[in-house]
């Protein structure tokens, strides 16, 4: 099956459902923001958010 070829992503060991040999989510957390944080936030705020149009039909 195709699922046999997929890799597990985010298999951290701290959650109750985590993997005992997974990486530590605490070790992956940053203690400080990166130096380019301001540029990144500006880039994201300048973008446009797209979302699908939701159509509700109560008589269909």
PDB file of N, CA and C in Angstrom:
ATOM      1  N   UNK A   1       0.834  -1.194   0.000  1.00  0.00           N
ATOM      2  CA  UNK A   1       0.000   0.000   0.000  1.00  0.00           C
ATOM      3  C   UNK A   1       0.864   1.236   0.000  1.00  0.00           C
ATOM      4  N   UNK A   2       0.279   2.342  -0.385  1.00  0.00           N
ATOM      5  CA  UNK A   2       1.008   3.610  -0.414  1.00  0.00           C
ATOM      6  C   UNK A   2       1.377   4.073   0.992  1.00  0.00           C
ATOM      7  N   UNK A   3       0.577   3.704   1.993  1.00  0.00           N
ATOM      8  CA  UNK A   3       0.855   4.141   3.355  1.00  0.00           C
ATOM      9  C   UNK A   3       2.124   3.520   3.922  1.00  0.00           C
ATOM     10  N   UNK A   4       2.574   2.427   3.380  1.00  0.00           N
ATOM     11  CA  UNK A   4       3.818   1.805   3.816  1.00  0.00           C
ATOM     12  C   UNK A   4       5.029   2.639   3.435  1.00  0.00           C
ATOM     13  N   UNK A   5       4.890   3.517   2.446  1.00  0.00           N
ATOM     14  CA  UNK A   5       5.996   4.328   1.953  1.00  0.00           C
ATOM     15  C   UNK A   5       6.059   5.703   2.600  1.00  0.00           C
ATOM     16  N   UNK A   6       5.046   6.082   3.367  1.00  0.00           N
ATOM     17  CA  UNK A   6       4.996   7.403   3.976  1.00  0.00           C
ATOM     18  C   UNK A   6       5.829   7.445   5.249  1.00  0.00           C
ATOM     19  N   UNK A   7       6.493   8.567   5.462  1.00  0.00           N
ATOM     20  CA  UNK A   7       7.280   8.772   6.680  1.00  0.00           C
ATOM     21  C   UNK A   7       6.426   9.480   7.723  1.00  0.00           C
ATOM     22  N   UNK A   8       6.646   9.171   8.980  1.00  0.00           N
ATOM     23  CA  UNK A   8       5.943   9.854  10.060  1.00  0.00           C
ATOM     24  C   UNK A   8       6.586  11.220  10.264  1.00  0.00           C
ATOM     25  N   UNK A   9       5.768  12.246  10.304  1.00  0.00           N
ATOM     26  CA  UNK A   9       6.250  13.612  10.508  1.00  0.00           C
ATOM     27  C   UNK A   9       5.712  14.101  11.846  1.00  0.00           C
ATOM     28  N   UNK A  10       6.562  14.668  12.647  1.00  0.00           N
ATOM     29  CA  UNK A  10       6.119  15.203  13.931  1.00  0.00           C
ATOM     30  C   UNK A  10       5.890  14.135  14.983  1.00  0.00           C
ATOM     31  N   UNK A  11       6.630  13.059  14.935  1.00  0.00           N
ATOM     32  CA  UNK A  11       6.492  11.997  15.928  1.00  0.00           C
ATOM     33  C   UNK A  11       7.268  12.326  17.188  1.00  0.00           C
ATOM     34  N   UNK A  12       6.828  13.329  17.911  1.00  0.00           N
ATOM     35  CA  UNK A  12       7.529  13.735  19.125  1.00  0.00           C
ATOM     36  C   UNK A  12       7.252  12.758  20.262  1.00  0.00           C
ATOM     37  N   UNK A  13       8.139  12.703  21.223  1.00  0.00           N
ATOM     38  CA  UNK A  13       7.999  11.725  22.304  1.00  0.00           C
ATOM     39  C   UNK A  13       7.218  12.237  23.510  1.00  0.00           C
ATOM     40  N   UNK A  14       7.027  13.535  23.656  1.00  0.00           N
ATOM     41  CA  UNK A  14       6.363  14.060  24.847  1.00  0.00           C
ATOM     42  C   UNK A  14       4.853  13.796  24.927  1.00  0.00           C
ATOM     43  N   UNK A  15       4.087  13.879  23.849  1.00  0.00           N
ATOM     44  CA  UNK A  15       2.645  13.633  23.975  1.00  0.00           C
ATOM     45  C   UNK A  15       2.339  12.179  24.365  1.00  0.00           C
ATOM     46  N   UNK A  16       1.178  11.963  24.925  1.00  0.00           N
ATOM     47  CA  UNK A  16       0.776  10.607  25.328  1.00  0.00           C
ATOM     48  C   UNK A  16       0.756   9.657  24.132  1.00  0.00           C
ATOM     49  N   UNK A  17       0.434  10.172  22.957  1.00  0.00           N
ATOM     50  CA  UNK A  17       0.391   9.351  21.748  1.00  0.00           C
ATOM     51  C   UNK A  17       1.723   9.356  21.005  1.00  0.00           C
ATOM     52  N   UNK A  18       2.751   9.981  21.583  1.00  0.00           N
ATOM     53  CA  UNK A  18       4.046  10.134  20.924  1.00  0.00           C
ATOM     54  C   UNK A  18       4.818   8.837  20.770  1.00  0.00           C
ATOM     55  N   UNK A  19       5.897   8.944  20.048  1.00  0.00           N
ATOM     56  CA  UNK A  19       6.765   7.805  19.791  1.00  0.00           C
ATOM     57  C   UNK A  19       7.946   7.837  20.760  1.00  0.00           C
ATOM     58  N   UNK A  20       8.234   6.733  21.395  1.00  0.00           N
ATOM     59  CA  UNK A  20       9.320   6.679  22.384  1.00  0.00           C
ATOM     60  C   UNK A  20      10.668   7.034  21.779  1.00  0.00           C
ATOM     61  N   UNK A  21      10.870   6.740  20.499  1.00  0.00           N
ATOM     62  CA  UNK A  21      12.146   7.060  19.866  1.00  0.00           C
ATOM     63  C   UNK A  21      12.064   8.334  19.023  1.00  0.00           C
ATOM     64  N   UNK A  22      10.987   9.107  19.206  1.00  0.00           N
ATOM     65  CA  UNK A  22      10.820  10.354  18.464  1.00  0.00           C
ATOM     66  C   UNK A  22      11.709  11.458  18.993  1.00  0.00           C
ATOM     67  N   UNK A  23      11.778  12.546  18.245  1.00  0.00           N
ATOM     68  CA  UNK A  23      12.578  13.689  18.685  1.00  0.00           C
ATOM     69  C   UNK A  23      11.837  14.463  19.771  1.00  0.00           C
ATOM     70  N   UNK A  24      12.554  15.307  20.474  1.00  0.00           N
ATOM     71  CA  UNK A  24      11.983  16.077  21.574  1.00  0.00           C
ATOM     72  C   UNK A  24      11.418  17.392  21.052  1.00  0.00           C
ATOM     73  N   UNK A  25      10.151  17.658  21.371  1.00  0.00           N
ATOM     74  CA  UNK A  25       9.547  18.922  20.953  1.00  0.00           C
ATOM     75  C   UNK A  25      10.141  20.076  21.766  1.00  0.00           C
ATOM     76  N   UNK A  26      10.553  19.794  22.992  1.00  0.00           N
ATOM     77  CA  UNK A  26      11.172  20.837  23.820  1.00  0.00           C
ATOM     78  C   UNK A  26      12.519  21.267  23.254  1.00  0.00           C
ATOM     79  N   UNK A  27      13.284  20.327  22.723  1.00  0.00           N
ATOM     80  CA  UNK A  27      14.583  20.653  22.147  1.00  0.00           C
ATOM     81  C   UNK A  27      14.423  21.428  20.833  1.00  0.00           C
ATOM     82  N   UNK A  28      13.278  21.253  20.154  1.00  0.00           N
ATOM     83  CA  UNK A  28      13.050  21.928  18.878  1.00  0.00           C
ATOM     84  C   UNK A  28      12.539  23.360  19.048  1.00  0.00           C
ATOM     85  N   UNK A  29      12.028  23.692  20.227  1.00  0.00           N
ATOM     86  CA  UNK A  29      11.481  25.033  20.463  1.00  0.00           C
ATOM     87  C   UNK A  29      12.609  26.062  20.547  1.00  0.00           C
ATOM     88  N   UNK A  30      12.335  27.229  20.017  1.00  0.00           N
ATOM     89  CA  UNK A  30      13.328  28.316  20.070  1.00  0.00           C
ATOM     90  C   UNK A  30      13.151  29.137  21.333  1.00  0.00           C
ATOM     91  N   UNK A  31      14.249  29.602  21.853  1.00  0.00           N
ATOM     92  CA  UNK A  31      14.203  30.455  23.033  1.00  0.00           C
ATOM     93  C   UNK A  31      14.041  31.920  22.652  1.00  0.00           C
ATOM     94  N   UNK A  32      14.394  32.276  21.428  1.00  0.00           N
ATOM     95  CA  UNK A  32      14.286  33.663  20.974  1.00  0.00           C
ATOM     96  C   UNK A  32      13.875  33.673  19.506  1.00  0.00           C
ATOM     97  N   UNK A  33      13.291  34.755  19.094  1.00  0.00           N
ATOM     98  CA  UNK A  33      12.865  34.902  17.704  1.00  0.00           C
ATOM     99  C   UNK A  33      14.091  35.068  16.807  1.00  0.00           C
ATOM    100  N   UNK A  34      14.004  34.626  15.556  1.00  0.00           N
ATOM    101  CA  UNK A  34      15.126  34.818  14.641  1.00  0.00           C
ATOM    102  C   UNK A  34      15.311  36.304  14.309  1.00  0.00           C
ATOM    103  N   UNK A  35      16.489  36.664  13.880  1.00  0.00           N
ATOM    104  CA  UNK A  35      16.807  38.072  13.587  1.00  0.00           C
ATOM    105  C   UNK A  35      15.923  38.635  12.474  1.00  0.00           C
ATOM    106  N   UNK A  36      15.446  37.802  11.579  1.00  0.00           N
ATOM    107  CA  UNK A  36      14.629  38.258  10.454  1.00  0.00           C
ATOM    108  C   UNK A  36      13.136  38.225  10.756  1.00  0.00           C
ATOM    109  N   UNK A  37      12.769  38.112  12.016  1.00  0.00           N
ATOM    110  CA  UNK A  37      11.350  38.002  12.376  1.00  0.00           C
ATOM    111  C   UNK A  37      10.532  39.182  11.855  1.00  0.00           C
ATOM    112  N   UNK A  38      11.021  40.393  11.995  1.00  0.00           N
ATOM    113  CA  UNK A  38      10.289  41.576  11.531  1.00  0.00           C
ATOM    114  C   UNK A  38      10.028  41.539  10.033  1.00  0.00           C
ATOM    115  N   UNK A  39      11.034  41.127   9.255  1.00  0.00           N
ATOM    116  CA  UNK A  39      10.864  41.012   7.807  1.00  0.00           C
ATOM    117  C   UNK A  39       9.833  39.944   7.458  1.00  0.00           C
ATOM    118  N   UNK A  40       9.864  38.851   8.169  1.00  0.00           N
ATOM    119  CA  UNK A  40       8.934  37.759   7.910  1.00  0.00           C
ATOM    120  C   UNK A  40       7.496  38.170   8.228  1.00  0.00           C
ATOM    121  N   UNK A  41       7.300  38.826   9.354  1.00  0.00           N
ATOM    122  CA  UNK A  41       5.957  39.285   9.736  1.00  0.00           C
ATOM    123  C   UNK A  41       5.449  40.303   8.723  1.00  0.00           C
ATOM    124  N   UNK A  42       6.294  41.207   8.277  1.00  0.00           N
ATOM    125  CA  UNK A  42       5.895  42.182   7.261  1.00  0.00           C
ATOM    126  C   UNK A  42       5.495  41.525   5.954  1.00  0.00           C
ATOM    127  N   UNK A  43       6.245  40.515   5.552  1.00  0.00           N
ATOM    128  CA  UNK A  43       5.944  39.771   4.329  1.00  0.00           C
ATOM    129  C   UNK A  43       4.585  39.086   4.426  1.00  0.00           C
ATOM    130  N   UNK A  44       4.336  38.433   5.559  1.00  0.00           N
ATOM    131  CA  UNK A  44       3.068  37.728   5.735  1.00  0.00           C
ATOM    132  C   UNK A  44       1.887  38.690   5.815  1.00  0.00           C
ATOM    133  N   UNK A  45       2.063  39.815   6.465  1.00  0.00           N
ATOM    134  CA  UNK A  45       0.975  40.789   6.575  1.00  0.00           C
ATOM    135  C   UNK A  45       0.681  41.475   5.247  1.00  0.00           C
ATOM    136  N   UNK A  46       1.665  41.579   4.378  1.00  0.00           N
ATOM    137  CA  UNK A  46       1.463  42.229   3.081  1.00  0.00           C
ATOM    138  C   UNK A  46       0.770  41.310   2.081  1.00  0.00           C
ATOM    139  N   UNK A  47       0.709  40.030   2.376  1.00  0.00           N
ATOM    140  CA  UNK A  47       0.116  39.064   1.460  1.00  0.00           C
ATOM    141  C   UNK A  47      -1.395  39.102   1.475  1.00  0.00           C
ATOM    142  N   UNK A  48      -1.968  38.298   0.631  1.00  0.00           N
ATOM    143  CA  UNK A  48      -3.416  38.172   0.529  1.00  0.00           C
ATOM    144  C   UNK A  48      -3.816  36.765   0.952  1.00  0.00           C
ATOM    145  N   UNK A  49      -4.801  36.684   1.798  1.00  0.00           N
ATOM    146  CA  UNK A  49      -5.300  35.380   2.231  1.00  0.00           C
ATOM    147  C   UNK A  49      -6.399  34.927   1.280  1.00  0.00           C
ATOM    148  N   UNK A  50      -6.310  33.702   0.842  1.00  0.00           N
ATOM    149  CA  UNK A  50      -7.320  33.129  -0.037  1.00  0.00           C
ATOM    150  C   UNK A  50      -8.102  32.069   0.714  1.00  0.00           C
ATOM    151  N   UNK A  51      -9.372  32.036   0.497  1.00  0.00           N
ATOM    152  CA  UNK A  51     -10.191  30.984   1.088  1.00  0.00           C
ATOM    153  C   UNK A  51     -11.286  30.622   0.098  1.00  0.00           C
ATOM    154  N   UNK A  52     -11.720  29.380   0.122  1.00  0.00           N
ATOM    155  CA  UNK A  52     -12.781  28.984  -0.804  1.00  0.00           C
ATOM    156  C   UNK A  52     -14.091  29.660  -0.426  1.00  0.00           C
ATOM    157  N   UNK A  53     -14.896  29.932  -1.421  1.00  0.00           N
ATOM    158  CA  UNK A  53     -16.190  30.554  -1.177  1.00  0.00           C
ATOM    159  C   UNK A  53     -17.158  29.467  -0.715  1.00  0.00           C
ATOM    160  N   UNK A  54     -17.756  29.697   0.400  1.00  0.00           N
ATOM    161  CA  UNK A  54     -18.700  28.741   0.956  1.00  0.00           C
ATOM    162  C   UNK A  54     -20.099  29.093   0.467  1.00  0.00           C
ATOM    163  N   UNK A  55     -20.766  28.138  -0.094  1.00  0.00           N
ATOM    164  CA  UNK A  55     -22.126  28.362  -0.619  1.00  0.00           C
ATOM    165  C   UNK A  55     -23.076  27.484   0.181  1.00  0.00           C
ATOM    166  N   UNK A  56     -24.002  28.121   0.828  1.00  0.00           N
ATOM    167  CA  UNK A  56     -25.005  27.391   1.588  1.00  0.00           C
ATOM    168  C   UNK A  56     -26.316  27.418   0.829  1.00  0.00           C
ATOM    169  N   UNK A  57     -26.884  26.284   0.657  1.00  0.00           N
ATOM    170  CA  UNK A  57     -28.177  26.187  -0.024  1.00  0.00           C
ATOM    171  C   UNK A  57     -29.149  25.493   0.923  1.00  0.00           C
ATOM    172  N   UNK A  58     -30.083  26.242   1.439  1.00  0.00           N
ATOM    173  CA  UNK A  58     -31.016  25.689   2.407  1.00  0.00           C
ATOM    174  C   UNK A  58     -32.193  24.971   1.744  1.00  0.00           C
ATOM    175  N   UNK A  59     -32.383  25.206   0.445  1.00  0.00           N
ATOM    176  CA  UNK A  59     -33.522  24.572  -0.238  1.00  0.00           C
ATOM    177  C   UNK A  59     -33.104  23.473  -1.181  1.00  0.00           C
ATOM    178  N   UNK A  60     -31.826  23.155  -1.245  1.00  0.00           N
ATOM    179  CA  UNK A  60     -31.334  22.139  -2.200  1.00  0.00           C
ATOM    180  C   UNK A  60     -31.564  20.745  -1.698  1.00  0.00           C
TER     181      UNK A  60
END
